[in-house]
Amino acid sequence: MLRVAVIGSGPSGVYTAQSLIEQQTVPDIEVYVLDRLPCPYGLVRYGVAPDHEKIKSLQNNLRAVLEHPRVHFLGNVEVGPGLGVPELREIFDAVVFCVGAATDRHLGIPGEDLPGSHAATEFVAWYSAHPDAATTRFALAARSAIVIGVGNVAVDVARMLSRGAAELALTDMPQLPLGTLAESRVEDVWMVGRRGPSQAKFTTKELRELGSLPGTEVHVRPAELALDPAYRDPAGLPAVGRRNVEVLRGWAERPTGATTPVARRRRIHLRFFLRPVEMLGDAAGGVRAVRFERTAPDGRGGVVGTGEFEEIEGQLVLRSVGYRGTPQPGLPFDETTGTVPHQAGRVLREGAPLPGVYVAGWIKRGPTGVIGTNRPCAKETAQSLLADAGALAGRTAAEDPVTALTRAGQRPVTWPGWLAIEAAEAAFGHGLGRGTVKLPDWAGLLEAARSAGATR
């Protein structure tokens, strides 16, 4: 038997498990999917916006893999001191790290740490009920909010700041964020990118959603769009870029006041060719505005500063400029790329493969692609592992992994524990007169899991 641990239960981890159990070359394989959280699905549960039900339904596909008889979910397992690569390799024949990119990139500008300035992922974790964000609070008393970045996360954040509470009440968003967003005073949301519209990273579907929000008007500046040569002639752009340009052109050409005055309540301003250079504070010490430098295309796909500056007022700033991987215990790490060095998924230490240790997902390739990109990435890693199976299989003790992990100081939440959490969230939402509502904190999640006797 080949016993494999997959660290991380998001798409890359589950797709790795699926690739391992669906192959025919090594029939006797057992996969244990370990996660620090007591809940599976990773960013599908805690990163996809609550109003994106179609994307969140991907959980059903991931669930089918985790319910396979040779796949075992073990949540609430912390890989780190006391349970690093050496300890895992005593329990499992092979270990695949699928841990994603856990931190945000920084802007590196003065005032970035002023109160009121946050990483966008903090905001996402808060409204998604990530248990690490249970004590996080956002006071949305600001009239103006600035989102720095023009990717899908930035669009999600802008949409959540603009969407009505009645619509969000139909989602699994917990009560505290729902109430805070319902009482929000934000009227203007500025989404700002340092480059042009043809280089924005959002998908067209996400972009179009901004224009369909009830009571919200989208503003773009034709003069800024025209600075982008590819905007004037998008024929050479990839399909997504061309469609994005079409949407933006439609908004830019729309007559002023096309939305009826009764419907106008919030405004989303899409701004381009502005690079943040400083966050400015108010008398109380919080952020009051962001100072931007106007940029211009450099003819090589980048931008250069023009020496012209503009301030945009905003008492809430959400920075969405990318993710970065973090070092993993016992693994080599490339600080430049934020990834683990590898060859086709085999972890490399000083150029040589580290026996029985593999990577997949963002920690392997960097924070690129969409959810589906994880499939071929996971398959490549699984194929490498299976090619090494002859040297790996049967080297561990016969002790049950759950017992071994418990002996190592862990308290694993098994699949029945997760089912108990699901039931508790359904009951919680029913008691509030809503559908399923997520339990927002560690204590509630673990109490629900233990009610089923599904932890050690």
Protein backbone atom coordinates (compact mmCIF):
# COMPACT_ATOMS: atom_id res chain seq x y z
CA MET A 1 0.00 0.00 0.00
CA LEU A 2 1.10 3.56 -0.76
CA ARG A 3 -0.04 6.00 1.92
CA VAL A 4 0.03 9.67 0.86
CA ALA A 5 -0.61 12.85 2.84
CA VAL A 6 -1.91 15.86 0.94
CA ILE A 7 -1.49 19.07 2.95
CA GLY A 8 -4.36 21.40 2.08
CA SER A 9 -7.97 20.65 1.13
CA GLY A 10 -8.52 23.42 -1.40
CA PRO A 11 -8.80 22.74 -5.14
CA SER A 12 -5.11 21.93 -5.66
CA GLY A 13 -5.12 19.46 -2.77
CA VAL A 14 -8.36 17.76 -3.74
CA TYR A 15 -7.38 17.59 -7.41
CA THR A 16 -4.10 15.98 -6.35
CA ALA A 17 -6.02 13.40 -4.34
CA GLN A 18 -8.34 12.80 -7.31
CA SER A 19 -5.41 12.29 -9.70
CA LEU A 20 -3.88 9.75 -7.31
CA ILE A 21 -6.97 7.62 -6.78
CA GLU A 22 -8.20 7.67 -10.38
CA GLN A 23 -4.99 6.33 -11.91
CA GLN A 24 -4.63 2.61 -12.63
CA THR A 25 -0.90 1.97 -12.14
CA VAL A 26 -0.84 1.90 -8.33
CA PRO A 27 -4.13 0.38 -7.16
CA ASP A 28 -3.31 0.17 -3.45
CA ILE A 29 -3.15 3.84 -2.56
CA GLU A 30 -4.71 5.67 0.39
CA VAL A 31 -4.80 9.47 0.45
CA TYR A 32 -5.16 11.49 3.65
CA VAL A 33 -6.09 15.13 3.02
CA LEU A 34 -4.89 17.20 5.97
CA ASP A 35 -5.97 20.77 6.65
CA ARG A 36 -5.22 23.28 9.40
CA LEU A 37 -8.90 24.22 9.45
CA PRO A 38 -11.66 21.84 10.60
CA CYS A 39 -13.48 22.53 7.31
CA PRO A 40 -12.49 21.44 3.80
CA TYR A 41 -12.47 23.26 0.43
CA GLY A 42 -9.91 26.01 1.16
CA LEU A 43 -10.47 29.20 -0.82
CA VAL A 44 -13.67 27.83 -2.36
CA ARG A 45 -15.19 28.09 1.13
CA TYR A 46 -13.20 31.04 2.45
CA GLY A 47 -12.20 33.04 -0.64
CA VAL A 48 -15.06 32.87 -3.14
CA ALA A 49 -17.51 35.70 -2.48
CA PRO A 50 -20.73 34.57 -0.74
CA ASP A 51 -22.90 35.89 -3.57
CA HIS A 52 -21.11 33.70 -6.13
CA GLU A 53 -23.21 30.61 -5.55
CA LYS A 54 -22.34 29.02 -8.89
CA ILE A 55 -18.61 29.07 -8.17
CA LYS A 56 -19.16 27.98 -4.58
CA SER A 57 -21.10 24.98 -5.89
CA LEU A 58 -17.70 23.61 -6.93
CA GLN A 59 -17.67 22.30 -3.36
CA ASN A 60 -19.96 19.53 -4.58
CA ASN A 61 -17.27 18.31 -6.97
CA LEU A 62 -14.59 18.51 -4.31
CA ARG A 63 -16.89 16.73 -1.89
CA ALA A 64 -17.27 13.76 -4.23
CA VAL A 65 -13.48 13.26 -4.11
CA LEU A 66 -13.28 13.61 -0.33
CA GLU A 67 -16.03 11.01 0.08
CA HIS A 68 -14.13 8.42 -1.95
CA PRO A 69 -13.46 5.33 0.21
CA ARG A 70 -9.70 5.68 -0.24
CA VAL A 71 -9.61 9.40 0.55
CA HIS A 72 -9.73 10.54 4.18
CA PHE A 73 -10.24 14.15 5.30
CA LEU A 74 -8.48 15.13 8.52
CA GLY A 75 -9.08 18.73 9.55
CA ASN A 76 -7.69 20.67 12.51
CA VAL A 77 -4.19 19.31 11.81
CA GLU A 78 -1.42 21.90 12.11
CA VAL A 79 1.74 21.15 10.14
CA GLY A 80 4.67 22.87 11.81
CA PRO A 81 6.85 22.40 14.89
CA GLY A 82 6.38 18.83 16.07
CA LEU A 83 4.71 17.82 12.82
CA GLY A 84 7.07 18.75 10.02
CA VAL A 85 8.41 16.78 7.07
CA PRO A 86 10.39 14.24 9.17
CA GLU A 87 7.37 13.42 11.37
CA LEU A 88 4.99 13.27 8.41
CA ARG A 89 7.34 10.95 6.57
CA GLU A 90 7.24 8.56 9.54
CA ILE A 91 3.46 8.33 9.11
CA PHE A 92 3.10 8.61 5.32
CA ASP A 93 5.06 7.24 2.38
CA ALA A 94 4.81 10.57 0.57
CA VAL A 95 3.71 14.11 1.37
CA VAL A 96 2.31 16.66 -1.10
CA PHE A 97 2.14 20.29 0.05
CA CYS A 98 -0.81 22.15 -1.53
CA VAL A 99 -0.90 25.12 0.81
CA GLY A 100 -1.44 28.03 -1.57
CA ALA A 101 -0.07 31.53 -1.06
CA ALA A 102 -0.93 32.67 2.44
CA THR A 103 0.17 36.32 2.59
CA ASP A 104 -0.51 39.53 0.69
CA ARG A 105 2.03 41.52 -1.25
CA HIS A 106 2.74 44.95 0.21
CA LEU A 107 2.73 48.26 -1.60
CA GLY A 108 5.83 49.48 0.22
CA ILE A 109 4.65 53.08 0.43
CA PRO A 110 4.55 55.55 3.35
CA GLY A 111 1.39 55.34 5.43
CA GLU A 112 0.49 51.84 4.29
CA ASP A 113 -0.02 50.72 7.90
CA LEU A 114 -2.26 53.61 8.95
CA PRO A 115 -5.51 52.60 10.69
CA GLY A 116 -8.14 52.10 8.03
CA SER A 117 -5.68 50.56 5.58
CA HIS A 118 -6.12 46.78 5.24
CA ALA A 119 -5.14 43.93 2.98
CA ALA A 120 -8.16 43.04 0.87
CA THR A 121 -7.84 39.43 2.00
CA GLU A 122 -8.52 40.55 5.59
CA PHE A 123 -11.83 41.94 4.39
CA VAL A 124 -12.55 38.75 2.41
CA ALA A 125 -11.73 36.55 5.42
CA TRP A 126 -14.02 38.70 7.58
CA TYR A 127 -17.11 38.47 5.37
CA SER A 128 -16.35 34.80 4.53
CA ALA A 129 -16.32 33.77 8.23
CA HIS A 130 -12.75 32.49 8.26
CA PRO A 131 -12.18 31.46 11.89
CA ASP A 132 -8.86 33.33 12.02
CA ALA A 133 -10.84 36.54 11.36
CA ALA A 134 -13.37 35.99 14.16
CA THR A 135 -12.07 38.98 16.14
CA THR A 136 -11.63 41.24 13.07
CA ARG A 137 -13.86 44.29 12.91
CA PHE A 138 -14.53 46.71 10.07
CA ALA A 139 -16.24 50.00 10.85
CA LEU A 140 -17.82 51.06 7.57
CA ALA A 141 -18.55 54.63 8.61
CA ALA A 142 -16.45 55.98 5.74
CA ARG A 143 -18.21 57.75 2.89
CA SER A 144 -15.46 56.82 0.45
CA ALA A 145 -13.47 53.57 0.11
CA ILE A 146 -10.44 52.93 -2.10
CA VAL A 147 -9.61 49.48 -3.49
CA ILE A 148 -6.08 49.36 -4.88
CA GLY A 149 -5.85 46.74 -7.61
CA VAL A 150 -7.86 45.63 -10.63
CA GLY A 151 -8.08 41.85 -10.27
CA ASN A 152 -10.99 39.61 -9.36
CA VAL A 153 -10.42 39.99 -5.62
CA ALA A 154 -10.57 43.76 -6.01
CA VAL A 155 -13.83 43.42 -7.95
CA ASP A 156 -15.26 41.12 -5.24
CA VAL A 157 -14.39 43.62 -2.53
CA ALA A 158 -15.85 46.55 -4.45
CA ARG A 159 -19.03 44.56 -5.09
CA MET A 160 -19.41 43.57 -1.42
CA LEU A 161 -19.08 47.23 -0.42
CA SER A 162 -21.80 48.14 -2.90
CA ARG A 163 -24.27 45.25 -2.78
CA GLY A 164 -27.45 45.59 -0.76
CA ALA A 165 -27.94 43.79 2.55
CA ALA A 166 -31.20 42.18 1.38
CA GLU A 167 -29.31 40.32 -1.35
CA LEU A 168 -26.47 39.32 0.99
CA ALA A 169 -28.96 37.95 3.53
CA LEU A 170 -29.67 35.16 1.04
CA THR A 171 -26.04 33.97 1.27
CA ASP A 172 -24.13 32.10 3.99
CA MET A 173 -22.48 35.31 5.22
CA PRO A 174 -22.38 35.42 9.04
CA GLN A 175 -24.53 37.88 10.96
CA LEU A 176 -21.83 40.36 12.07
CA PRO A 177 -20.51 41.20 8.59
CA LEU A 178 -24.07 41.19 7.23
CA GLY A 179 -25.17 43.71 9.84
CA THR A 180 -22.08 45.86 9.35
CA LEU A 181 -22.54 45.97 5.57
CA ALA A 182 -26.24 46.74 6.02
CA GLU A 183 -25.31 49.81 8.09
CA SER A 184 -22.44 50.85 5.81
CA ARG A 185 -22.26 54.53 4.92
CA VAL A 186 -19.96 53.98 1.95
CA GLU A 187 -21.24 55.89 -1.08
CA ASP A 188 -18.18 55.98 -3.34
CA VAL A 189 -15.92 53.01 -4.09
CA TRP A 190 -12.76 53.76 -6.06
CA MET A 191 -11.04 50.81 -7.74
CA VAL A 192 -7.65 51.94 -8.96
CA GLY A 193 -5.00 50.29 -11.15
CA ARG A 194 -1.50 51.48 -12.04
CA ARG A 195 -1.74 50.21 -15.61
CA GLY A 196 -4.39 50.39 -18.32
CA PRO A 197 -7.70 48.61 -18.88
CA SER A 198 -6.21 46.13 -21.35
CA GLN A 199 -3.84 44.86 -18.63
CA ALA A 200 -6.42 44.52 -15.85
CA LYS A 201 -6.62 41.04 -14.34
CA PHE A 202 -10.35 40.78 -13.71
CA THR A 203 -12.50 38.45 -15.76
CA THR A 204 -15.31 39.84 -17.89
CA LYS A 205 -18.03 38.09 -15.91
CA GLU A 206 -16.81 39.69 -12.67
CA LEU A 207 -16.49 43.10 -14.34
CA ARG A 208 -20.01 43.00 -15.79
CA GLU A 209 -21.47 42.24 -12.37
CA LEU A 210 -20.45 45.70 -11.19
CA GLY A 211 -22.77 47.21 -13.77
CA SER A 212 -25.75 45.14 -12.68
CA LEU A 213 -25.79 45.99 -8.97
CA PRO A 214 -29.10 47.55 -7.94
CA GLY A 215 -28.73 51.16 -6.84
CA THR A 216 -25.13 51.40 -8.02
CA GLU A 217 -23.67 53.38 -10.90
CA VAL A 218 -20.31 52.63 -12.53
CA HIS A 219 -18.13 55.55 -13.62
CA VAL A 220 -15.14 55.36 -15.96
CA ARG A 221 -13.16 58.20 -17.50
CA PRO A 222 -12.87 58.00 -21.29
CA ALA A 223 -9.64 60.02 -21.23
CA GLU A 224 -7.97 57.43 -18.99
CA LEU A 225 -9.14 54.54 -21.12
CA ALA A 226 -7.83 56.26 -24.25
CA LEU A 227 -4.29 56.37 -22.82
CA ASP A 228 -4.07 52.61 -23.42
CA PRO A 229 -3.06 51.87 -27.05
CA ALA A 230 -4.62 48.40 -26.81
CA TYR A 231 -7.88 49.99 -25.70
CA ARG A 232 -8.08 51.96 -28.95
CA ASP A 233 -7.37 48.80 -30.97
CA PRO A 234 -8.04 45.66 -28.90
CA ALA A 235 -7.71 43.24 -31.83
CA GLY A 236 -4.38 41.89 -30.57
CA LEU A 237 -5.63 41.22 -27.04
CA PRO A 238 -6.62 37.81 -25.68
CA ALA A 239 -10.37 37.16 -25.73
CA VAL A 240 -10.88 38.17 -22.09
CA GLY A 241 -9.05 41.44 -22.64
CA ARG A 242 -11.14 42.25 -25.72
CA ARG A 243 -14.36 41.55 -23.85
CA ASN A 244 -13.23 43.70 -20.91
CA VAL A 245 -12.51 46.57 -23.28
CA GLU A 246 -15.97 46.21 -24.81
CA VAL A 247 -17.61 46.44 -21.38
CA LEU A 248 -15.56 49.46 -20.35
CA ARG A 249 -16.19 51.17 -23.69
CA GLY A 250 -19.92 50.71 -23.20
CA TRP A 251 -19.77 52.36 -19.79
CA ALA A 252 -17.56 55.18 -21.06
CA GLU A 253 -19.92 55.96 -23.93
CA ARG A 254 -23.02 55.91 -21.75
CA PRO A 255 -24.56 59.37 -21.38
CA THR A 256 -24.08 61.05 -18.00
CA GLY A 257 -27.11 60.41 -15.82
CA ALA A 258 -28.16 57.31 -17.75
CA THR A 259 -29.13 55.77 -14.43
CA THR A 260 -32.26 57.36 -12.99
CA PRO A 261 -31.69 59.57 -9.92
CA VAL A 262 -33.93 57.34 -7.80
CA ALA A 263 -31.68 54.34 -8.43
CA ARG A 264 -28.39 56.13 -7.75
CA ARG A 265 -27.24 55.37 -4.22
CA ARG A 266 -23.65 54.19 -4.60
CA ARG A 267 -21.00 54.85 -7.19
CA ILE A 268 -18.12 52.62 -8.29
CA HIS A 269 -15.30 54.57 -9.96
CA LEU A 270 -12.90 52.56 -12.13
CA ARG A 271 -9.62 54.46 -12.45
CA PHE A 272 -6.54 53.52 -14.48
CA PHE A 273 -2.93 54.68 -14.88
CA LEU A 274 -2.61 55.75 -11.24
CA ARG A 275 0.18 54.39 -9.03
CA PRO A 276 -0.15 54.75 -5.24
CA VAL A 277 2.80 56.60 -3.71
CA GLU A 278 1.59 57.53 -0.22
CA MET A 279 -1.32 57.12 2.18
CA LEU A 280 -2.19 60.34 3.96
CA GLY A 281 -3.44 60.50 7.55
CA ASP A 282 -6.04 62.62 9.26
CA ALA A 283 -5.83 64.46 12.57
CA ALA A 284 -6.92 61.34 14.45
CA GLY A 285 -4.17 59.22 12.88
CA GLY A 286 -6.32 57.24 10.44
CA VAL A 287 -6.10 57.21 6.68
CA ARG A 288 -7.94 60.03 4.91
CA ALA A 289 -6.68 59.78 1.32
CA VAL A 290 -4.26 58.10 -1.04
CA ARG A 291 -1.82 60.07 -3.15
CA PHE A 292 -1.36 58.64 -6.65
CA GLU A 293 1.10 59.43 -9.42
CA ARG A 294 -0.26 59.47 -12.95
CA THR A 295 1.45 56.85 -15.11
CA ALA A 296 1.73 56.36 -18.85
CA PRO A 297 2.48 53.34 -21.07
CA ASP A 298 6.21 52.81 -21.61
CA GLY A 299 5.75 50.98 -24.91
CA ARG A 300 7.07 47.71 -23.47
CA GLY A 301 4.01 46.55 -21.56
CA GLY A 302 4.78 48.53 -18.40
CA VAL A 303 4.21 52.07 -17.19
CA VAL A 304 6.34 55.04 -16.16
CA GLY A 305 5.59 57.87 -13.79
CA THR A 306 4.70 61.25 -15.29
CA GLY A 307 5.34 63.45 -12.26
CA GLU A 308 1.68 64.41 -12.06
CA PHE A 309 -0.10 63.60 -8.81
CA GLU A 310 -3.69 63.23 -7.62
CA GLU A 311 -5.27 62.59 -4.24
CA ILE A 312 -8.36 60.45 -3.83
CA GLU A 313 -10.16 60.77 -0.51
CA GLY A 314 -10.99 57.55 1.29
CA GLN A 315 -11.23 56.62 4.94
CA LEU A 316 -11.07 52.90 4.15
CA VAL A 317 -8.33 51.47 1.90
CA LEU A 318 -8.24 47.83 0.81
CA ARG A 319 -5.01 46.71 -0.86
CA SER A 320 -5.42 43.96 -3.47
CA VAL A 321 -2.09 43.73 -5.28
CA GLY A 322 -1.42 40.00 -5.21
CA TYR A 323 -0.51 37.08 -2.97
CA ARG A 324 2.76 35.56 -1.90
CA GLY A 325 3.69 32.09 -0.67
CA THR A 326 5.29 31.57 2.74
CA PRO A 327 8.09 29.18 3.79
CA GLN A 328 6.91 25.72 4.75
CA PRO A 329 8.47 23.79 7.66
CA GLY A 330 11.28 21.58 6.48
CA LEU A 331 11.09 22.67 2.83
CA PRO A 332 13.46 24.82 0.78
CA PHE A 333 12.00 28.15 -0.28
CA ASP A 334 12.73 30.65 -3.03
CA GLU A 335 12.26 34.12 -1.52
CA THR A 336 12.26 35.77 -4.94
CA THR A 337 9.32 33.81 -6.35
CA GLY A 338 7.62 32.88 -3.07
CA THR A 339 7.55 29.22 -4.15
CA VAL A 340 9.17 25.91 -3.27
CA PRO A 341 11.85 24.84 -5.79
CA HIS A 342 10.69 21.76 -7.67
CA GLN A 343 10.95 19.72 -10.84
CA ALA A 344 7.56 18.53 -12.11
CA GLY A 345 6.30 18.72 -8.52
CA ARG A 346 9.28 16.93 -6.90
CA VAL A 347 10.71 19.23 -4.22
CA LEU A 348 14.35 20.08 -4.89
CA ARG A 349 16.91 20.77 -2.19
CA GLU A 350 20.20 22.07 -3.56
CA GLY A 351 19.17 20.77 -6.96
CA ALA A 352 18.40 17.20 -5.86
CA PRO A 353 14.90 15.73 -5.25
CA LEU A 354 13.84 15.48 -1.60
CA PRO A 355 12.59 11.87 -1.42
CA GLY A 356 8.85 11.52 -0.96
CA VAL A 357 8.09 15.25 -0.80
CA TYR A 358 6.10 17.09 -3.47
CA VAL A 359 4.24 20.35 -4.12
CA ALA A 360 1.18 21.40 -6.14
CA GLY A 361 -0.87 24.57 -6.52
CA TRP A 362 0.29 28.11 -5.80
CA ILE A 363 3.18 27.06 -3.55
CA LYS A 364 4.48 25.20 -6.62
CA ARG A 365 3.85 27.69 -9.45
CA GLY A 366 3.03 31.00 -7.74
CA PRO A 367 -0.36 32.74 -7.40
CA THR A 368 -1.43 32.45 -11.02
CA GLY A 369 -4.40 31.09 -12.93
CA VAL A 370 -7.97 30.30 -11.93
CA ILE A 371 -9.41 27.36 -10.00
CA GLY A 372 -9.29 25.10 -13.05
CA THR A 373 -5.56 25.79 -13.51
CA ASN A 374 -4.96 23.56 -10.50
CA ARG A 375 -6.08 20.44 -12.38
CA PRO A 376 -3.12 20.02 -14.76
CA CYS A 377 -0.77 21.27 -12.05
CA ALA A 378 -2.00 18.59 -9.63
CA LYS A 379 -1.94 15.90 -12.31
CA GLU A 380 1.71 16.61 -13.11
CA THR A 381 2.68 16.28 -9.46
CA ALA A 382 0.65 13.10 -9.03
CA GLN A 383 2.35 11.55 -12.05
CA SER A 384 5.76 12.30 -10.57
CA LEU A 385 4.75 10.76 -7.26
CA LEU A 386 3.36 7.65 -8.95
CA ALA A 387 6.56 7.26 -10.98
CA ASP A 388 8.42 7.17 -7.66
CA ALA A 389 5.97 4.76 -6.02
CA GLY A 390 8.28 1.74 -6.16
CA ALA A 391 10.82 3.49 -3.94
CA LEU A 392 8.21 4.89 -1.57
CA ALA A 393 5.55 2.25 -0.90
CA GLY A 394 5.49 0.28 2.30
CA ARG A 395 8.15 2.19 4.18
CA THR A 396 5.86 3.44 6.99
CA ALA A 397 4.61 1.63 10.07
CA ALA A 398 1.19 -0.01 10.02
CA GLU A 399 -0.17 2.39 12.68
CA ASP A 400 -3.37 4.17 11.71
CA PRO A 401 -2.55 7.78 10.66
CA VAL A 402 -5.27 9.25 12.87
CA THR A 403 -3.79 7.47 15.87
CA ALA A 404 -0.29 8.57 14.91
CA LEU A 405 -1.38 12.19 14.48
CA THR A 406 -3.20 12.14 17.80
CA ARG A 407 -0.06 10.79 19.45
CA ALA A 408 1.82 13.71 17.88
CA GLY A 409 -0.45 16.15 19.73
CA GLN A 410 -3.06 16.79 17.03
CA ARG A 411 -6.84 16.54 17.43
CA PRO A 412 -8.02 15.62 13.93
CA VAL A 413 -11.54 16.40 12.76
CA THR A 414 -12.64 13.52 10.56
CA TRP A 415 -15.28 13.60 7.81
CA PRO A 416 -18.18 12.94 10.20
CA GLY A 417 -16.99 15.97 12.15
CA TRP A 418 -17.24 18.12 9.04
CA LEU A 419 -20.74 16.75 8.38
CA ALA A 420 -21.66 17.77 11.92
CA ILE A 421 -20.37 21.29 11.23
CA GLU A 422 -22.51 21.43 8.08
CA ALA A 423 -25.57 20.37 10.08
CA ALA A 424 -24.85 22.94 12.78
CA GLU A 425 -24.53 25.73 10.19
CA ALA A 426 -27.83 24.73 8.59
CA ALA A 427 -29.53 24.76 12.00
CA PHE A 428 -27.90 28.08 12.90
CA GLY A 429 -29.18 29.70 9.73
CA HIS A 430 -32.66 28.23 10.21
CA GLY A 431 -32.81 29.77 13.66
CA LEU A 432 -32.06 33.16 12.10
CA GLY A 433 -34.72 32.74 9.45
CA ARG A 434 -32.07 32.37 6.76
CA GLY A 435 -30.49 29.52 4.82
CA THR A 436 -27.20 27.98 5.91
CA VAL A 437 -25.04 30.50 7.80
CA LYS A 438 -21.37 29.82 8.50
CA LEU A 439 -20.10 29.40 12.04
CA PRO A 440 -17.54 32.21 12.30
CA ASP A 441 -15.11 31.08 15.00
CA TRP A 442 -12.85 28.20 16.00
CA ALA A 443 -14.76 27.41 19.18
CA GLY A 444 -18.09 27.02 17.39
CA LEU A 445 -16.64 24.89 14.61
CA LEU A 446 -14.80 22.53 16.95
CA GLU A 447 -17.75 22.27 19.32
CA ALA A 448 -19.98 21.26 16.40
CA ALA A 449 -17.44 18.67 15.21
CA ARG A 450 -17.02 17.18 18.68
CA SER A 451 -20.78 16.90 19.10
CA ALA A 452 -20.52 14.09 16.56
CA GLY A 453 -17.67 12.45 18.42
CA ALA A 454 -15.55 13.02 15.32
CA THR A 455 -12.40 14.43 16.89
CA ARG A 456 -9.72 12.74 18.94
